[in-house]
Amino acid sequence: MTSARVALCLAALGGALRSATAAAPAPPKYHIGRPATPDELRARDITVFPAGAGLPPGRGTAREGRPLYMARCASCHGPQGTGMGEEYPPVAGGLGTLKTARPLPTVGSYWPYATTVWDYIRRSMPYDRTGTLSDDQVYAVTAFVLHLNRLVGEDDVVSRETLPKVKMPNRDGFVPDPRPDVKSKR
């Protein structure tokens, strides 16, 4: 096929595509809802990044978190964080097991960042009443879970300033995403 014919075919194809696109019906409008306001968008922007960006003000210690954990978490995760059967996973223990035949992925053995532990607790726990803990309570429960894993002391203050500094045992066990289009707010 000559280059003139190829050019003619491409021009015809382009015109057909433009006609098909122009003739496509507009999506239906249901007149339900409204665009979110800037304040509503800010309220839902609750992402917490590994280096702590997004953590709100607040504080807590493992000593403060113990009674909260016992009241709201121990029925599923056990008083020492070792789990309650297959349905409710452990949150403590497992250190050094990831490369064994029976790995035990817990907060202390698997999670790479303490900040994501805080984020998970805030978004997902307690299982039957998610989102009911205040930010200070989330810091305290996070501190207790980290204490169960021997990562912070009982009276160490966990806050948006200190939590990103907790070095999780498996922090270097993950491969960073090298794609340039997925830079995070570390």
N, C-alpha and C. Protein backbone atom coordinates (compact mmCIF):
# COMPACT_ATOMS: atom_id res chain seq x y z
N MET A 1 0.86 -1.16 0.00
CA MET A 1 0.00 0.00 0.00
C MET A 1 0.90 1.23 0.00
N THR A 2 0.56 2.18 -0.83
CA THR A 2 1.38 3.38 -0.92
C THR A 2 1.11 4.27 0.29
N SER A 3 2.05 5.17 0.52
CA SER A 3 1.89 6.07 1.67
C SER A 3 0.70 6.99 1.47
N ALA A 4 0.33 7.31 0.25
CA ALA A 4 -0.83 8.16 0.00
C ALA A 4 -2.11 7.43 0.42
N ARG A 5 -2.18 6.13 0.10
CA ARG A 5 -3.36 5.34 0.49
C ARG A 5 -3.46 5.21 2.01
N VAL A 6 -2.31 4.99 2.67
CA VAL A 6 -2.29 4.87 4.13
C VAL A 6 -2.79 6.17 4.76
N ALA A 7 -2.32 7.31 4.22
CA ALA A 7 -2.74 8.60 4.75
C ALA A 7 -4.24 8.80 4.55
N LEU A 8 -4.75 8.39 3.39
CA LEU A 8 -6.17 8.53 3.11
C LEU A 8 -7.00 7.66 4.05
N CYS A 9 -6.55 6.43 4.31
CA CYS A 9 -7.25 5.52 5.23
C CYS A 9 -7.26 6.08 6.65
N LEU A 10 -6.12 6.59 7.10
CA LEU A 10 -6.03 7.15 8.45
C LEU A 10 -6.94 8.37 8.59
N ALA A 11 -6.99 9.22 7.56
CA ALA A 11 -7.86 10.39 7.60
C ALA A 11 -9.32 9.98 7.68
N ALA A 12 -9.69 8.97 6.90
CA ALA A 12 -11.08 8.49 6.92
C ALA A 12 -11.42 7.89 8.29
N LEU A 13 -10.50 7.12 8.84
CA LEU A 13 -10.71 6.51 10.16
C LEU A 13 -10.86 7.58 11.23
N GLY A 14 -10.02 8.60 11.18
CA GLY A 14 -10.11 9.69 12.15
C GLY A 14 -11.44 10.41 12.06
N GLY A 15 -11.92 10.66 10.86
CA GLY A 15 -13.22 11.31 10.69
C GLY A 15 -14.35 10.45 11.22
N ALA A 16 -14.27 9.15 11.01
CA ALA A 16 -15.30 8.23 11.51
C ALA A 16 -15.31 8.21 13.03
N LEU A 17 -14.13 8.22 13.63
CA LEU A 17 -14.05 8.23 15.09
C LEU A 17 -14.61 9.51 15.67
N ARG A 18 -14.31 10.65 15.02
CA ARG A 18 -14.85 11.92 15.51
C ARG A 18 -16.37 11.93 15.41
N SER A 19 -16.91 11.39 14.32
CA SER A 19 -18.36 11.35 14.15
C SER A 19 -19.00 10.45 15.20
N ALA A 20 -18.39 9.30 15.47
CA ALA A 20 -18.93 8.37 16.46
C ALA A 20 -18.89 8.98 17.85
N THR A 21 -17.80 9.66 18.17
CA THR A 21 -17.67 10.29 19.48
C THR A 21 -18.67 11.42 19.64
N ALA A 22 -18.82 12.22 18.60
CA ALA A 22 -19.75 13.35 18.66
C ALA A 22 -21.19 12.85 18.76
N ALA A 23 -21.50 11.71 18.18
CA ALA A 23 -22.85 11.20 18.18
C ALA A 23 -23.18 10.43 19.46
N ALA A 24 -22.18 10.12 20.29
CA ALA A 24 -22.45 9.35 21.51
C ALA A 24 -23.35 10.17 22.43
N PRO A 25 -24.36 9.51 23.00
CA PRO A 25 -25.27 10.25 23.89
C PRO A 25 -24.57 10.65 25.18
N ALA A 26 -25.01 11.76 25.72
CA ALA A 26 -24.47 12.22 27.00
C ALA A 26 -24.93 11.27 28.10
N PRO A 27 -24.12 11.07 29.12
CA PRO A 27 -24.54 10.20 30.22
C PRO A 27 -25.78 10.79 30.90
N PRO A 28 -26.66 9.93 31.41
CA PRO A 28 -27.88 10.45 32.03
C PRO A 28 -27.57 11.24 33.30
N LYS A 29 -28.40 12.20 33.60
CA LYS A 29 -28.28 12.99 34.83
C LYS A 29 -29.47 12.62 35.71
N TYR A 30 -29.18 12.24 36.93
CA TYR A 30 -30.24 11.79 37.82
C TYR A 30 -30.67 12.87 38.81
N HIS A 31 -29.95 13.97 38.85
CA HIS A 31 -30.27 15.08 39.74
C HIS A 31 -30.33 14.62 41.19
N ILE A 32 -29.40 13.76 41.54
CA ILE A 32 -29.29 13.27 42.92
C ILE A 32 -27.95 13.72 43.46
N GLY A 33 -27.93 14.22 44.67
CA GLY A 33 -26.68 14.61 45.30
C GLY A 33 -26.21 15.97 44.83
N ARG A 34 -25.00 16.30 45.25
CA ARG A 34 -24.40 17.58 44.92
C ARG A 34 -22.89 17.42 45.03
N PRO A 35 -22.14 18.30 44.41
CA PRO A 35 -20.68 18.22 44.57
C PRO A 35 -20.30 18.48 46.03
N ALA A 36 -19.28 17.79 46.49
CA ALA A 36 -18.79 17.98 47.86
C ALA A 36 -18.18 19.37 48.00
N THR A 37 -18.37 19.96 49.17
CA THR A 37 -17.78 21.26 49.45
C THR A 37 -16.30 21.08 49.81
N PRO A 38 -15.50 22.13 49.74
CA PRO A 38 -14.10 22.01 50.15
C PRO A 38 -13.95 21.52 51.59
N ASP A 39 -14.82 21.96 52.51
CA ASP A 39 -14.75 21.50 53.90
C ASP A 39 -15.05 20.00 54.00
N GLU A 40 -16.01 19.52 53.22
CA GLU A 40 -16.32 18.09 53.23
C GLU A 40 -15.16 17.27 52.68
N LEU A 41 -14.52 17.77 51.65
CA LEU A 41 -13.36 17.07 51.09
C LEU A 41 -12.23 17.01 52.11
N ARG A 42 -11.97 18.13 52.81
CA ARG A 42 -10.92 18.15 53.84
C ARG A 42 -11.23 17.16 54.96
N ALA A 43 -12.48 17.05 55.36
CA ALA A 43 -12.87 16.13 56.43
C ALA A 43 -12.63 14.68 56.04
N ARG A 44 -12.69 14.39 54.75
CA ARG A 44 -12.48 13.01 54.30
C ARG A 44 -11.04 12.73 53.90
N ASP A 45 -10.23 13.75 53.88
CA ASP A 45 -8.81 13.59 53.53
C ASP A 45 -8.05 13.16 54.77
N ILE A 46 -8.14 11.86 55.09
CA ILE A 46 -7.58 11.36 56.34
C ILE A 46 -6.42 10.40 56.11
N THR A 47 -5.83 10.43 54.94
CA THR A 47 -4.73 9.54 54.64
C THR A 47 -3.53 9.86 55.53
N VAL A 48 -2.94 8.81 56.07
CA VAL A 48 -1.71 8.94 56.87
C VAL A 48 -0.60 8.25 56.10
N PHE A 49 0.51 8.96 55.90
CA PHE A 49 1.61 8.43 55.12
C PHE A 49 2.70 7.87 56.05
N PRO A 50 3.60 7.03 55.53
CA PRO A 50 4.62 6.38 56.36
C PRO A 50 5.45 7.33 57.23
N ALA A 51 5.81 8.50 56.70
CA ALA A 51 6.64 9.42 57.47
C ALA A 51 5.82 10.30 58.41
N GLY A 52 4.52 10.07 58.47
CA GLY A 52 3.68 10.77 59.43
C GLY A 52 2.82 11.89 58.87
N ALA A 53 3.00 12.26 57.61
CA ALA A 53 2.13 13.28 57.03
C ALA A 53 0.68 12.80 57.16
N GLY A 54 -0.18 13.67 57.63
CA GLY A 54 -1.58 13.32 57.79
C GLY A 54 -1.98 12.92 59.21
N LEU A 55 -0.99 12.67 60.08
CA LEU A 55 -1.34 12.34 61.47
C LEU A 55 -1.91 13.59 62.16
N PRO A 56 -2.99 13.44 62.89
CA PRO A 56 -3.55 14.60 63.60
C PRO A 56 -2.85 14.82 64.93
N PRO A 57 -3.09 15.96 65.57
CA PRO A 57 -2.56 16.16 66.92
C PRO A 57 -3.15 15.11 67.87
N GLY A 58 -2.43 14.83 68.89
CA GLY A 58 -2.89 13.87 69.90
C GLY A 58 -1.71 13.17 70.52
N ARG A 59 -2.01 12.31 71.52
CA ARG A 59 -0.95 11.58 72.20
C ARG A 59 -1.56 10.42 72.96
N GLY A 60 -0.71 9.48 73.31
CA GLY A 60 -1.14 8.36 74.13
C GLY A 60 0.05 7.52 74.54
N THR A 61 -0.11 6.75 75.60
CA THR A 61 0.93 5.83 76.06
C THR A 61 0.34 4.43 76.15
N ALA A 62 1.20 3.45 76.22
CA ALA A 62 0.73 2.07 76.38
C ALA A 62 -0.03 1.91 77.69
N ARG A 63 0.43 2.58 78.74
CA ARG A 63 -0.28 2.51 80.03
C ARG A 63 -1.72 3.00 79.88
N GLU A 64 -1.91 4.10 79.14
CA GLU A 64 -3.26 4.62 78.89
C GLU A 64 -4.04 3.71 77.93
N GLY A 65 -3.33 3.07 77.03
CA GLY A 65 -3.99 2.22 76.04
C GLY A 65 -4.41 0.85 76.55
N ARG A 66 -3.75 0.36 77.60
CA ARG A 66 -4.07 -0.98 78.12
C ARG A 66 -5.56 -1.15 78.43
N PRO A 67 -6.20 -0.26 79.26
CA PRO A 67 -7.61 -0.47 79.55
C PRO A 67 -8.51 -0.37 78.32
N LEU A 68 -8.17 0.51 77.38
CA LEU A 68 -8.93 0.61 76.13
C LEU A 68 -8.82 -0.68 75.33
N TYR A 69 -7.60 -1.18 75.21
CA TYR A 69 -7.37 -2.42 74.48
C TYR A 69 -8.15 -3.56 75.13
N MET A 70 -8.08 -3.67 76.46
CA MET A 70 -8.77 -4.76 77.16
C MET A 70 -10.28 -4.67 76.96
N ALA A 71 -10.82 -3.46 76.95
CA ALA A 71 -12.26 -3.27 76.80
C ALA A 71 -12.74 -3.42 75.36
N ARG A 72 -11.92 -3.00 74.38
CA ARG A 72 -12.41 -2.92 73.01
C ARG A 72 -11.72 -3.84 72.01
N CYS A 73 -10.56 -4.41 72.40
CA CYS A 73 -9.77 -5.16 71.42
C CYS A 73 -9.48 -6.61 71.85
N ALA A 74 -9.32 -6.84 73.15
CA ALA A 74 -8.86 -8.14 73.65
C ALA A 74 -9.84 -9.27 73.34
N SER A 75 -11.12 -8.98 73.21
CA SER A 75 -12.07 -10.06 72.92
C SER A 75 -11.81 -10.71 71.57
N CYS A 76 -11.19 -9.98 70.67
CA CYS A 76 -10.83 -10.55 69.35
C CYS A 76 -9.35 -10.90 69.25
N HIS A 77 -8.49 -10.03 69.74
CA HIS A 77 -7.05 -10.21 69.56
C HIS A 77 -6.35 -10.81 70.76
N GLY A 78 -7.08 -11.08 71.84
CA GLY A 78 -6.49 -11.68 73.02
C GLY A 78 -5.83 -10.66 73.91
N PRO A 79 -5.79 -10.94 75.23
CA PRO A 79 -5.23 -9.97 76.17
C PRO A 79 -3.75 -9.64 75.91
N GLN A 80 -3.00 -10.57 75.34
CA GLN A 80 -1.59 -10.33 75.04
C GLN A 80 -1.36 -10.12 73.54
N GLY A 81 -2.46 -9.96 72.79
CA GLY A 81 -2.33 -9.70 71.35
C GLY A 81 -2.02 -10.93 70.53
N THR A 82 -2.18 -12.12 71.09
CA THR A 82 -1.81 -13.34 70.39
C THR A 82 -2.95 -13.94 69.57
N GLY A 83 -4.07 -13.24 69.47
CA GLY A 83 -5.17 -13.68 68.63
C GLY A 83 -6.15 -14.57 69.35
N MET A 84 -7.29 -14.79 68.71
CA MET A 84 -8.33 -15.64 69.25
C MET A 84 -8.82 -16.56 68.13
N GLY A 85 -8.03 -17.56 67.83
CA GLY A 85 -8.41 -18.48 66.76
C GLY A 85 -8.08 -17.93 65.39
N GLU A 86 -8.53 -18.64 64.37
CA GLU A 86 -8.21 -18.26 62.99
C GLU A 86 -8.96 -17.02 62.54
N GLU A 87 -10.13 -16.77 63.12
CA GLU A 87 -10.94 -15.65 62.67
C GLU A 87 -10.35 -14.29 63.06
N TYR A 88 -9.70 -14.22 64.22
CA TYR A 88 -9.15 -12.96 64.71
C TYR A 88 -7.65 -13.10 64.83
N PRO A 89 -6.91 -12.40 63.99
CA PRO A 89 -5.46 -12.58 63.94
C PRO A 89 -4.73 -11.97 65.13
N PRO A 90 -3.55 -12.49 65.40
CA PRO A 90 -2.72 -11.88 66.44
C PRO A 90 -2.17 -10.54 65.96
N VAL A 91 -1.92 -9.67 66.91
CA VAL A 91 -1.29 -8.38 66.60
C VAL A 91 0.11 -8.30 67.20
N ALA A 92 0.47 -9.31 68.00
CA ALA A 92 1.78 -9.32 68.64
C ALA A 92 2.44 -10.68 68.44
N GLY A 93 3.77 -10.68 68.55
CA GLY A 93 4.53 -11.92 68.36
C GLY A 93 4.97 -12.05 66.92
N GLY A 94 5.48 -13.22 66.60
CA GLY A 94 5.85 -13.52 65.23
C GLY A 94 7.20 -12.98 64.77
N LEU A 95 7.91 -12.26 65.64
CA LEU A 95 9.19 -11.69 65.22
C LEU A 95 10.14 -12.80 64.77
N GLY A 96 10.71 -12.64 63.60
CA GLY A 96 11.66 -13.62 63.07
C GLY A 96 11.02 -14.80 62.36
N THR A 97 9.70 -14.79 62.18
CA THR A 97 9.04 -15.95 61.56
C THR A 97 8.74 -15.79 60.08
N LEU A 98 8.92 -14.61 59.52
CA LEU A 98 8.48 -14.38 58.14
C LEU A 98 9.20 -15.24 57.12
N LYS A 99 10.44 -15.63 57.40
CA LYS A 99 11.18 -16.45 56.43
C LYS A 99 11.17 -17.93 56.82
N THR A 100 10.25 -18.31 57.70
CA THR A 100 10.16 -19.70 58.12
C THR A 100 9.00 -20.38 57.40
N ALA A 101 8.84 -21.68 57.63
CA ALA A 101 7.75 -22.43 57.02
C ALA A 101 6.40 -22.01 57.59
N ARG A 102 6.40 -21.42 58.79
CA ARG A 102 5.14 -20.97 59.42
C ARG A 102 5.23 -19.49 59.81
N PRO A 103 5.19 -18.60 58.82
CA PRO A 103 5.30 -17.18 59.14
C PRO A 103 4.08 -16.70 59.92
N LEU A 104 4.31 -15.80 60.86
CA LEU A 104 3.23 -15.21 61.64
C LEU A 104 3.27 -13.69 61.42
N PRO A 105 2.49 -13.21 60.44
CA PRO A 105 2.50 -11.77 60.15
C PRO A 105 1.69 -11.00 61.20
N THR A 106 2.36 -10.24 62.00
CA THR A 106 1.72 -9.42 63.03
C THR A 106 2.20 -7.98 62.88
N VAL A 107 1.70 -7.11 63.74
CA VAL A 107 2.17 -5.72 63.74
C VAL A 107 3.68 -5.67 63.93
N GLY A 108 4.19 -6.48 64.87
CA GLY A 108 5.62 -6.44 65.18
C GLY A 108 6.51 -7.17 64.18
N SER A 109 5.96 -8.15 63.48
CA SER A 109 6.82 -8.91 62.57
C SER A 109 6.68 -8.49 61.12
N TYR A 110 5.54 -7.93 60.73
CA TYR A 110 5.28 -7.71 59.32
C TYR A 110 5.15 -6.24 58.93
N TRP A 111 4.41 -5.45 59.71
CA TRP A 111 4.09 -4.08 59.31
C TRP A 111 5.37 -3.25 59.18
N PRO A 112 5.51 -2.51 58.08
CA PRO A 112 6.72 -1.73 57.88
C PRO A 112 6.75 -0.37 58.60
N TYR A 113 5.57 0.21 58.88
CA TYR A 113 5.54 1.55 59.47
C TYR A 113 4.53 1.61 60.62
N ALA A 114 4.93 2.21 61.72
CA ALA A 114 4.03 2.37 62.86
C ALA A 114 2.89 3.32 62.53
N THR A 115 3.12 4.26 61.64
CA THR A 115 2.07 5.22 61.27
C THR A 115 0.89 4.52 60.60
N THR A 116 1.16 3.47 59.83
CA THR A 116 0.07 2.77 59.18
C THR A 116 -0.71 1.90 60.17
N VAL A 117 -0.07 1.51 61.27
CA VAL A 117 -0.80 0.82 62.34
C VAL A 117 -1.83 1.79 62.91
N TRP A 118 -1.40 3.01 63.21
CA TRP A 118 -2.31 4.04 63.72
C TRP A 118 -3.47 4.25 62.75
N ASP A 119 -3.14 4.39 61.47
CA ASP A 119 -4.16 4.64 60.45
C ASP A 119 -5.15 3.48 60.38
N TYR A 120 -4.66 2.26 60.44
CA TYR A 120 -5.55 1.10 60.36
C TYR A 120 -6.48 1.04 61.57
N ILE A 121 -5.94 1.28 62.75
CA ILE A 121 -6.77 1.26 63.95
C ILE A 121 -7.85 2.34 63.86
N ARG A 122 -7.48 3.53 63.42
CA ARG A 122 -8.46 4.61 63.31
C ARG A 122 -9.56 4.27 62.32
N ARG A 123 -9.20 3.73 61.17
CA ARG A 123 -10.18 3.45 60.13
C ARG A 123 -11.02 2.19 60.38
N SER A 124 -10.43 1.18 61.02
CA SER A 124 -11.05 -0.14 61.01
C SER A 124 -11.37 -0.75 62.36
N MET A 125 -10.96 -0.14 63.44
CA MET A 125 -11.15 -0.76 64.75
C MET A 125 -11.88 0.18 65.70
N PRO A 126 -12.55 -0.35 66.70
CA PRO A 126 -12.84 -1.77 66.88
C PRO A 126 -13.78 -2.27 65.79
N TYR A 127 -13.65 -3.53 65.50
CA TYR A 127 -14.33 -4.16 64.37
C TYR A 127 -15.83 -3.89 64.36
N ASP A 128 -16.45 -3.93 65.51
CA ASP A 128 -17.91 -3.77 65.58
C ASP A 128 -18.35 -2.32 65.72
N ARG A 129 -17.41 -1.40 65.89
CA ARG A 129 -17.76 0.02 66.05
C ARG A 129 -16.64 0.90 65.47
N THR A 130 -16.35 0.71 64.20
CA THR A 130 -15.25 1.44 63.58
C THR A 130 -15.46 2.94 63.67
N GLY A 131 -14.36 3.65 63.83
CA GLY A 131 -14.39 5.10 63.85
C GLY A 131 -14.90 5.72 65.14
N THR A 132 -15.06 4.91 66.20
CA THR A 132 -15.58 5.47 67.45
C THR A 132 -14.50 5.91 68.43
N LEU A 133 -13.25 5.61 68.13
CA LEU A 133 -12.16 6.02 69.02
C LEU A 133 -11.72 7.44 68.69
N SER A 134 -11.45 8.23 69.72
CA SER A 134 -10.89 9.57 69.50
C SER A 134 -9.44 9.43 69.04
N ASP A 135 -8.87 10.50 68.53
CA ASP A 135 -7.47 10.45 68.09
C ASP A 135 -6.54 10.07 69.25
N ASP A 136 -6.80 10.63 70.44
CA ASP A 136 -5.97 10.28 71.60
C ASP A 136 -6.11 8.79 71.95
N GLN A 137 -7.32 8.25 71.84
CA GLN A 137 -7.51 6.83 72.11
C GLN A 137 -6.79 5.97 71.08
N VAL A 138 -6.81 6.40 69.83
CA VAL A 138 -6.09 5.65 68.79
C VAL A 138 -4.59 5.68 69.07
N TYR A 139 -4.05 6.82 69.48
CA TYR A 139 -2.63 6.88 69.85
C TYR A 139 -2.34 5.94 71.02
N ALA A 140 -3.23 5.90 72.01
CA ALA A 140 -3.00 5.05 73.18
C ALA A 140 -3.07 3.57 72.82
N VAL A 141 -4.07 3.17 72.04
CA VAL A 141 -4.17 1.76 71.64
C VAL A 141 -2.99 1.38 70.74
N THR A 142 -2.61 2.26 69.85
CA THR A 142 -1.43 2.01 69.01
C THR A 142 -0.20 1.83 69.88
N ALA A 143 -0.04 2.68 70.87
CA ALA A 143 1.10 2.55 71.79
C ALA A 143 1.06 1.20 72.51
N PHE A 144 -0.12 0.76 72.93
CA PHE A 144 -0.21 -0.52 73.62
C PHE A 144 0.14 -1.68 72.69
N VAL A 145 -0.35 -1.65 71.48
CA VAL A 145 -0.03 -2.71 70.51
C VAL A 145 1.48 -2.71 70.22
N LEU A 146 2.07 -1.54 70.06
CA LEU A 146 3.51 -1.46 69.85
C LEU A 146 4.27 -1.95 71.09
N HIS A 147 3.72 -1.67 72.28
CA HIS A 147 4.33 -2.14 73.53
C HIS A 147 4.26 -3.67 73.62
N LEU A 148 3.12 -4.26 73.21
CA LEU A 148 3.01 -5.72 73.20
C LEU A 148 4.10 -6.35 72.33
N ASN A 149 4.54 -5.62 71.33
CA ASN A 149 5.60 -6.08 70.42
C ASN A 149 6.99 -5.60 70.84
N ARG A 150 7.08 -5.03 72.03
CA ARG A 150 8.34 -4.55 72.60
C ARG A 150 9.02 -3.48 71.73
N LEU A 151 8.20 -2.63 71.13
CA LEU A 151 8.73 -1.58 70.27
C LEU A 151 8.72 -0.21 70.94
N VAL A 152 7.88 -0.03 71.95
CA VAL A 152 7.88 1.19 72.75
C VAL A 152 7.70 0.80 74.21
N GLY A 153 8.16 1.68 75.10
CA GLY A 153 7.99 1.44 76.52
C GLY A 153 6.57 1.78 76.98
N GLU A 154 6.24 1.33 78.17
CA GLU A 154 4.89 1.51 78.69
C GLU A 154 4.51 2.99 78.86
N ASP A 155 5.49 3.82 79.17
CA ASP A 155 5.21 5.24 79.39
C ASP A 155 5.75 6.14 78.28
N ASP A 156 6.23 5.56 77.21
CA ASP A 156 6.68 6.35 76.06
C ASP A 156 5.46 7.03 75.43
N VAL A 157 5.57 8.31 75.16
CA VAL A 157 4.47 9.04 74.53
C VAL A 157 4.51 8.80 73.03
N VAL A 158 3.37 8.38 72.50
CA VAL A 158 3.21 8.19 71.06
C VAL A 158 2.36 9.34 70.56
N SER A 159 2.88 10.06 69.58
CA SER A 159 2.20 11.25 69.04
C SER A 159 2.57 11.37 67.56
N ARG A 160 2.07 12.41 66.93
CA ARG A 160 2.41 12.58 65.51
C ARG A 160 3.89 12.90 65.32
N GLU A 161 4.54 13.39 66.38
CA GLU A 161 5.98 13.66 66.29
C GLU A 161 6.81 12.39 66.54
N THR A 162 6.37 11.53 67.46
CA THR A 162 7.18 10.37 67.84
C THR A 162 6.85 9.11 67.06
N LEU A 163 5.61 8.94 66.63
CA LEU A 163 5.21 7.69 65.96
C LEU A 163 6.02 7.40 64.69
N PRO A 164 6.27 8.39 63.82
CA PRO A 164 7.05 8.10 62.63
C PRO A 164 8.49 7.67 62.93
N LYS A 165 8.97 7.94 64.14
CA LYS A 165 10.34 7.58 64.50
C LYS A 165 10.47 6.15 65.01
N VAL A 166 9.35 5.48 65.24
CA VAL A 166 9.39 4.08 65.69
C VAL A 166 9.87 3.23 64.52
N LYS A 167 10.98 2.56 64.70
CA LYS A 167 11.56 1.71 63.63
C LYS A 167 10.97 0.32 63.75
N MET A 168 10.12 -0.02 62.82
CA MET A 168 9.49 -1.33 62.81
C MET A 168 10.50 -2.37 62.32
N PRO A 169 10.48 -3.58 62.90
CA PRO A 169 11.47 -4.61 62.54
C PRO A 169 11.49 -4.96 61.06
N ASN A 170 10.35 -4.87 60.37
CA ASN A 170 10.30 -5.25 58.96
C ASN A 170 10.26 -4.04 58.03
N ARG A 171 10.70 -2.90 58.49
CA ARG A 171 10.65 -1.69 57.66
C ARG A 171 11.38 -1.89 56.34
N ASP A 172 12.49 -2.58 56.35
CA ASP A 172 13.26 -2.76 55.13
C ASP A 172 12.90 -4.04 54.39
N GLY A 173 11.82 -4.70 54.80
CA GLY A 173 11.42 -5.95 54.17
C GLY A 173 10.53 -5.77 52.96
N PHE A 174 10.27 -4.54 52.58
CA PHE A 174 9.41 -4.25 51.44
C PHE A 174 10.23 -3.55 50.37
N VAL A 175 9.84 -3.77 49.12
CA VAL A 175 10.52 -3.13 48.00
C VAL A 175 9.74 -1.87 47.65
N PRO A 176 10.39 -0.71 47.66
CA PRO A 176 9.67 0.52 47.31
C PRO A 176 9.22 0.51 45.86
N ASP A 177 8.12 1.15 45.59
CA ASP A 177 7.58 1.24 44.23
C ASP A 177 8.41 2.25 43.46
N PRO A 178 9.13 1.81 42.42
CA PRO A 178 10.04 2.71 41.70
C PRO A 178 9.37 3.58 40.64
N ARG A 179 8.06 3.36 40.39
CA ARG A 179 7.41 4.12 39.31
C ARG A 179 7.39 5.61 39.64
N PRO A 180 7.77 6.45 38.69
CA PRO A 180 7.82 7.90 38.96
C PRO A 180 6.45 8.52 39.16
N ASP A 181 5.38 7.87 38.71
CA ASP A 181 4.05 8.46 38.81
C ASP A 181 3.34 8.13 40.12
N VAL A 182 4.03 7.45 41.06
CA VAL A 182 3.39 7.08 42.32
C VAL A 182 4.18 7.58 43.53
N LYS A 183 4.77 8.72 43.40
CA LYS A 183 5.53 9.29 44.53
C LYS A 183 4.56 9.52 45.69
N SER A 184 4.98 9.12 46.90
CA SER A 184 4.12 9.31 48.06
C SER A 184 4.58 10.50 48.88
N LYS A 185 3.72 10.94 49.78
CA LYS A 185 4.04 12.06 50.68
C LYS A 185 4.74 11.51 51.91
N ARG A 186 5.84 10.87 51.72
CA ARG A 186 6.53 10.24 52.84
C ARG A 186 6.92 11.29 53.80
